[in-house]
Amino acid sequence: MGQDKRYKVHRLEVTGKDMQEKLELFINQLDGQVLSVIPNVKPTFQLMGATAKVDFLLIVEKIN
């Protein structure tokens, strides 16, 4: 039939301050192709009002 396609989903814990650095380091160590980066966004309520927070990223990798 066709080629066997395989995918792996990674979970990367992040904070607002270190998100870009951590994601860059993580992606550079992968062997496969990154298909998607999905943030886990959850609403939070603080004294100044409602806001959102990203506490982890899901990275979808296509592997050979």
PDB file of N, CA and C in Angstrom:
ATOM      1  N   MET A   1       0.840  -1.184   0.000  1.00  0.00           N
ATOM      2  CA  MET A   1       0.000   0.000   0.000  1.00  0.00           C
ATOM      3  C   MET A   1       0.881   1.241   0.000  1.00  0.00           C
ATOM      4  N   GLY A   2       0.861   2.111   0.943  1.00  0.00           N
ATOM      5  CA  GLY A   2       1.701   3.303   0.990  1.00  0.00           C
ATOM      6  C   GLY A   2       2.725   3.198   2.099  1.00  0.00           C
ATOM      7  N   GLN A   3       3.431   4.273   2.285  1.00  0.00           N
ATOM      8  CA  GLN A   3       4.408   4.311   3.365  1.00  0.00           C
ATOM      9  C   GLN A   3       3.690   4.344   4.706  1.00  0.00           C
ATOM     10  N   ASP A   4       4.316   3.724   5.676  1.00  0.00           N
ATOM     11  CA  ASP A   4       3.787   3.769   7.036  1.00  0.00           C
ATOM     12  C   ASP A   4       4.136   5.114   7.655  1.00  0.00           C
ATOM     13  N   LYS A   5       3.156   5.911   7.989  1.00  0.00           N
ATOM     14  CA  LYS A   5       3.410   7.206   8.619  1.00  0.00           C
ATOM     15  C   LYS A   5       3.268   7.040  10.116  1.00  0.00           C
ATOM     16  N   ARG A   6       4.244   7.563  10.838  1.00  0.00           N
ATOM     17  CA  ARG A   6       4.212   7.484  12.290  1.00  0.00           C
ATOM     18  C   ARG A   6       4.398   8.882  12.863  1.00  0.00           C
ATOM     19  N   TYR A   7       3.731   9.110  13.963  1.00  0.00           N
ATOM     20  CA  TYR A   7       3.777  10.409  14.614  1.00  0.00           C
ATOM     21  C   TYR A   7       4.050  10.216  16.103  1.00  0.00           C
ATOM     22  N   LYS A   8       4.687  11.198  16.691  1.00  0.00           N
ATOM     23  CA  LYS A   8       4.928  11.197  18.122  1.00  0.00           C
ATOM     24  C   LYS A   8       4.514  12.559  18.656  1.00  0.00           C
ATOM     25  N   VAL A   9       3.824  12.559  19.790  1.00  0.00           N
ATOM     26  CA  VAL A   9       3.401  13.807  20.412  1.00  0.00           C
ATOM     27  C   VAL A   9       4.195  13.986  21.701  1.00  0.00           C
ATOM     28  N   HIS A  10       4.888  15.108  21.803  1.00  0.00           N
ATOM     29  CA  HIS A  10       5.713  15.423  22.961  1.00  0.00           C
ATOM     30  C   HIS A  10       5.003  16.494  23.785  1.00  0.00           C
ATOM     31  N   ARG A  11       5.218  16.452  25.080  1.00  0.00           N
ATOM     32  CA  ARG A  11       4.674  17.481  25.980  1.00  0.00           C
ATOM     33  C   ARG A  11       5.852  18.245  26.570  1.00  0.00           C
ATOM     34  N   LEU A  12       5.837  19.572  26.427  1.00  0.00           N
ATOM     35  CA  LEU A  12       6.916  20.418  26.912  1.00  0.00           C
ATOM     36  C   LEU A  12       6.352  21.423  27.916  1.00  0.00           C
ATOM     37  N   GLU A  13       6.761  21.282  29.177  1.00  0.00           N
ATOM     38  CA  GLU A  13       6.319  22.207  30.232  1.00  0.00           C
ATOM     39  C   GLU A  13       7.034  23.550  30.041  1.00  0.00           C
ATOM     40  N   VAL A  14       6.281  24.638  30.086  1.00  0.00           N
ATOM     41  CA  VAL A  14       6.851  25.970  29.864  1.00  0.00           C
ATOM     42  C   VAL A  14       6.215  26.988  30.806  1.00  0.00           C
ATOM     43  N   THR A  15       6.887  28.127  30.916  1.00  0.00           N
ATOM     44  CA  THR A  15       6.302  29.303  31.561  1.00  0.00           C
ATOM     45  C   THR A  15       6.373  30.432  30.539  1.00  0.00           C
ATOM     46  N   GLY A  16       5.733  31.524  30.822  1.00  0.00           N
ATOM     47  CA  GLY A  16       5.751  32.649  29.890  1.00  0.00           C
ATOM     48  C   GLY A  16       7.147  33.171  29.616  1.00  0.00           C
ATOM     49  N   LYS A  17       8.022  33.086  30.612  1.00  0.00           N
ATOM     50  CA  LYS A  17       9.371  33.649  30.479  1.00  0.00           C
ATOM     51  C   LYS A  17      10.295  32.790  29.635  1.00  0.00           C
ATOM     52  N   ASP A  18      10.163  31.466  29.734  1.00  0.00           N
ATOM     53  CA  ASP A  18      11.132  30.575  29.084  1.00  0.00           C
ATOM     54  C   ASP A  18      10.584  29.821  27.875  1.00  0.00           C
ATOM     55  N   MET A  19       9.387  30.154  27.437  1.00  0.00           N
ATOM     56  CA  MET A  19       8.724  29.383  26.394  1.00  0.00           C
ATOM     57  C   MET A  19       9.520  29.338  25.087  1.00  0.00           C
ATOM     58  N   GLN A  20       9.953  30.468  24.591  1.00  0.00           N
ATOM     59  CA  GLN A  20      10.655  30.516  23.309  1.00  0.00           C
ATOM     60  C   GLN A  20      11.976  29.752  23.374  1.00  0.00           C
ATOM     61  N   GLU A  21      12.744  29.973  24.428  1.00  0.00           N
ATOM     62  CA  GLU A  21      14.033  29.286  24.597  1.00  0.00           C
ATOM     63  C   GLU A  21      13.870  27.780  24.670  1.00  0.00           C
ATOM     64  N   LYS A  22      12.949  27.332  25.523  1.00  0.00           N
ATOM     65  CA  LYS A  22      12.722  25.894  25.699  1.00  0.00           C
ATOM     66  C   LYS A  22      12.255  25.240  24.404  1.00  0.00           C
ATOM     67  N   LEU A  23      11.334  25.914  23.694  1.00  0.00           N
ATOM     68  CA  LEU A  23      10.808  25.354  22.454  1.00  0.00           C
ATOM     69  C   LEU A  23      11.907  25.242  21.398  1.00  0.00           C
ATOM     70  N   GLU A  24      12.715  26.260  21.267  1.00  0.00           N
ATOM     71  CA  GLU A  24      13.817  26.237  20.298  1.00  0.00           C
ATOM     72  C   GLU A  24      14.798  25.105  20.602  1.00  0.00           C
ATOM     73  N   LEU A  25      15.204  24.978  21.854  1.00  0.00           N
ATOM     74  CA  LEU A  25      16.125  23.901  22.239  1.00  0.00           C
ATOM     75  C   LEU A  25      15.515  22.531  21.983  1.00  0.00           C
ATOM     76  N   PHE A  26      14.239  22.379  22.326  1.00  0.00           N
ATOM     77  CA  PHE A  26      13.568  21.091  22.144  1.00  0.00           C
ATOM     78  C   PHE A  26      13.456  20.717  20.668  1.00  0.00           C
ATOM     79  N   ILE A  27      13.015  21.658  19.848  1.00  0.00           N
ATOM     80  CA  ILE A  27      12.834  21.380  18.406  1.00  0.00           C
ATOM     81  C   ILE A  27      14.163  21.033  17.745  1.00  0.00           C
ATOM     82  N   ASN A  28      15.229  21.709  18.141  1.00  0.00           N
ATOM     83  CA  ASN A  28      16.532  21.446  17.534  1.00  0.00           C
ATOM     84  C   ASN A  28      17.087  20.063  17.866  1.00  0.00           C
ATOM     85  N   GLN A  29      16.574  19.410  18.893  1.00  0.00           N
ATOM     86  CA  GLN A  29      17.058  18.078  19.221  1.00  0.00           C
ATOM     87  C   GLN A  29      16.219  16.961  18.592  1.00  0.00           C
ATOM     88  N   LEU A  30      15.128  17.302  17.935  1.00  0.00           N
ATOM     89  CA  LEU A  30      14.281  16.294  17.304  1.00  0.00           C
ATOM     90  C   LEU A  30      14.892  15.803  15.998  1.00  0.00           C
ATOM     91  N   ASP A  31      14.624  14.546  15.669  1.00  0.00           N
ATOM     92  CA  ASP A  31      15.108  13.967  14.410  1.00  0.00           C
ATOM     93  C   ASP A  31      14.075  14.080  13.294  1.00  0.00           C
ATOM     94  N   GLY A  32      12.802  14.073  13.651  1.00  0.00           N
ATOM     95  CA  GLY A  32      11.734  14.092  12.653  1.00  0.00           C
ATOM     96  C   GLY A  32      11.331  15.498  12.268  1.00  0.00           C
ATOM     97  N   GLN A  33      10.219  15.571  11.541  1.00  0.00           N
ATOM     98  CA  GLN A  33       9.689  16.847  11.062  1.00  0.00           C
ATOM     99  C   GLN A  33       8.602  17.333  12.024  1.00  0.00           C
ATOM    100  N   VAL A  34       8.688  18.578  12.453  1.00  0.00           N
ATOM    101  CA  VAL A  34       7.676  19.153  13.339  1.00  0.00           C
ATOM    102  C   VAL A  34       6.469  19.547  12.493  1.00  0.00           C
ATOM    103  N   LEU A  35       5.317  18.980  12.828  1.00  0.00           N
ATOM    104  CA  LEU A  35       4.104  19.283  12.074  1.00  0.00           C
ATOM    105  C   LEU A  35       3.263  20.365  12.734  1.00  0.00           C
ATOM    106  N   SER A  36       3.308  20.397  14.070  1.00  0.00           N
ATOM    107  CA  SER A  36       2.458  21.347  14.770  1.00  0.00           C
ATOM    108  C   SER A  36       2.953  21.583  16.188  1.00  0.00           C
ATOM    109  N   VAL A  37       2.724  22.794  16.678  1.00  0.00           N
ATOM    110  CA  VAL A  37       2.968  23.128  18.081  1.00  0.00           C
ATOM    111  C   VAL A  37       1.640  23.663  18.612  1.00  0.00           C
ATOM    112  N   ILE A  38       1.105  22.975  19.620  1.00  0.00           N
ATOM    113  CA  ILE A  38      -0.215  23.308  20.147  1.00  0.00           C
ATOM    114  C   ILE A  38      -0.076  23.758  21.604  1.00  0.00           C
ATOM    115  N   PRO A  39      -0.420  24.994  21.901  1.00  0.00           N
ATOM    116  CA  PRO A  39      -0.342  25.452  23.297  1.00  0.00           C
ATOM    117  C   PRO A  39      -1.570  24.993  24.087  1.00  0.00           C
ATOM    118  N   ASN A  40      -1.361  24.653  25.336  1.00  0.00           N
ATOM    119  CA  ASN A  40      -2.473  24.383  26.247  1.00  0.00           C
ATOM    120  C   ASN A  40      -2.778  25.700  26.951  1.00  0.00           C
ATOM    121  N   VAL A  41      -3.825  26.354  26.507  1.00  0.00           N
ATOM    122  CA  VAL A  41      -4.198  27.672  27.040  1.00  0.00           C
ATOM    123  C   VAL A  41      -5.358  27.484  28.012  1.00  0.00           C
ATOM    124  N   LYS A  42      -5.159  27.981  29.226  1.00  0.00           N
ATOM    125  CA  LYS A  42      -6.255  27.891  30.189  1.00  0.00           C
ATOM    126  C   LYS A  42      -6.529  29.276  30.771  1.00  0.00           C
ATOM    127  N   PRO A  43      -7.785  29.587  30.957  1.00  0.00           N
ATOM    128  CA  PRO A  43      -8.128  30.892  31.516  1.00  0.00           C
ATOM    129  C   PRO A  43      -7.751  30.968  32.990  1.00  0.00           C
ATOM    130  N   THR A  44      -7.285  32.116  33.405  1.00  0.00           N
ATOM    131  CA  THR A  44      -6.995  32.366  34.815  1.00  0.00           C
ATOM    132  C   THR A  44      -7.611  33.701  35.201  1.00  0.00           C
ATOM    133  N   PHE A  45      -7.914  33.825  36.460  1.00  0.00           N
ATOM    134  CA  PHE A  45      -8.510  35.064  36.954  1.00  0.00           C
ATOM    135  C   PHE A  45      -7.587  35.660  38.003  1.00  0.00           C
ATOM    136  N   GLN A  46      -7.198  36.906  37.769  1.00  0.00           N
ATOM    137  CA  GLN A  46      -6.319  37.614  38.690  1.00  0.00           C
ATOM    138  C   GLN A  46      -7.011  38.885  39.149  1.00  0.00           C
ATOM    139  N   LEU A  47      -6.369  39.617  40.024  1.00  0.00           N
ATOM    140  CA  LEU A  47      -6.970  40.852  40.534  1.00  0.00           C
ATOM    141  C   LEU A  47      -7.301  41.847  39.431  1.00  0.00           C
ATOM    142  N   MET A  48      -6.480  41.856  38.370  1.00  0.00           N
ATOM    143  CA  MET A  48      -6.716  42.809  37.277  1.00  0.00           C
ATOM    144  C   MET A  48      -7.783  42.321  36.295  1.00  0.00           C
ATOM    145  N   GLY A  49      -8.259  41.097  36.460  1.00  0.00           N
ATOM    146  CA  GLY A  49      -9.295  40.572  35.586  1.00  0.00           C
ATOM    147  C   GLY A  49      -8.900  39.235  34.984  1.00  0.00           C
ATOM    148  N   ALA A  50      -9.656  38.827  33.989  1.00  0.00           N
ATOM    149  CA  ALA A  50      -9.417  37.533  33.345  1.00  0.00           C
ATOM    150  C   ALA A  50      -8.231  37.626  32.387  1.00  0.00           C
ATOM    151  N   THR A  51      -7.467  36.567  32.330  1.00  0.00           N
ATOM    152  CA  THR A  51      -6.336  36.472  31.417  1.00  0.00           C
ATOM    153  C   THR A  51      -6.169  34.998  31.038  1.00  0.00           C
ATOM    154  N   ALA A  52      -5.157  34.681  30.286  1.00  0.00           N
ATOM    155  CA  ALA A  52      -4.913  33.287  29.893  1.00  0.00           C
ATOM    156  C   ALA A  52      -3.467  32.931  30.194  1.00  0.00           C
ATOM    157  N   LYS A  53      -3.228  31.646  30.398  1.00  0.00           N
ATOM    158  CA  LYS A  53      -1.893  31.170  30.731  1.00  0.00           C
ATOM    159  C   LYS A  53      -1.602  29.903  29.935  1.00  0.00           C
ATOM    160  N   VAL A  54      -0.388  29.814  29.395  1.00  0.00           N
ATOM    161  CA  VAL A  54       0.067  28.602  28.708  1.00  0.00           C
ATOM    162  C   VAL A  54       0.989  27.875  29.669  1.00  0.00           C
ATOM    163  N   ASP A  55       0.628  26.626  30.027  1.00  0.00           N
ATOM    164  CA  ASP A  55       1.478  25.899  30.966  1.00  0.00           C
ATOM    165  C   ASP A  55       2.253  24.764  30.307  1.00  0.00           C
ATOM    166  N   PHE A  56       1.816  24.321  29.130  1.00  0.00           N
ATOM    167  CA  PHE A  56       2.604  23.357  28.374  1.00  0.00           C
ATOM    168  C   PHE A  56       2.265  23.431  26.900  1.00  0.00           C
ATOM    169  N   LEU A  57       3.177  22.903  26.088  1.00  0.00           N
ATOM    170  CA  LEU A  57       3.001  22.832  24.646  1.00  0.00           C
ATOM    171  C   LEU A  57       2.986  21.373  24.229  1.00  0.00           C
ATOM    172  N   LEU A  58       2.158  21.043  23.248  1.00  0.00           N
ATOM    173  CA  LEU A  58       2.208  19.733  22.615  1.00  0.00           C
ATOM    174  C   LEU A  58       2.886  19.913  21.271  1.00  0.00           C
ATOM    175  N   ILE A  59       3.909  19.123  21.004  1.00  0.00           N
ATOM    176  CA  ILE A  59       4.644  19.203  19.743  1.00  0.00           C
ATOM    177  C   ILE A  59       4.405  17.911  18.982  1.00  0.00           C
ATOM    178  N   VAL A  60       3.850  18.006  17.784  1.00  0.00           N
ATOM    179  CA  VAL A  60       3.576  16.833  16.957  1.00  0.00           C
ATOM    180  C   VAL A  60       4.730  16.653  15.988  1.00  0.00           C
ATOM    181  N   GLU A  61       5.371  15.489  16.058  1.00  0.00           N
ATOM    182  CA  GLU A  61       6.541  15.179  15.233  1.00  0.00           C
ATOM    183  C   GLU A  61       6.224  14.006  14.306  1.00  0.00           C
ATOM    184  N   LYS A  62       6.522  14.160  13.029  1.00  0.00           N
ATOM    185  CA  LYS A  62       6.407  13.056  12.070  1.00  0.00           C
ATOM    186  C   LYS A  62       7.743  12.343  12.027  1.00  0.00           C
ATOM    187  N   ILE A  63       7.726  11.046  12.320  1.00  0.00           N
ATOM    188  CA  ILE A  63       8.974  10.289  12.344  1.00  0.00           C
ATOM    189  C   ILE A  63       8.983   9.271  11.214  1.00  0.00           C
ATOM    190  N   ASN A  64      10.170   8.923  10.763  1.00  0.00           N
ATOM    191  CA  ASN A  64      10.311   7.966   9.653  1.00  0.00           C
ATOM    192  C   ASN A  64      10.373   6.552  10.176  1.00  0.00           C
TER     193      ASN A  64
END
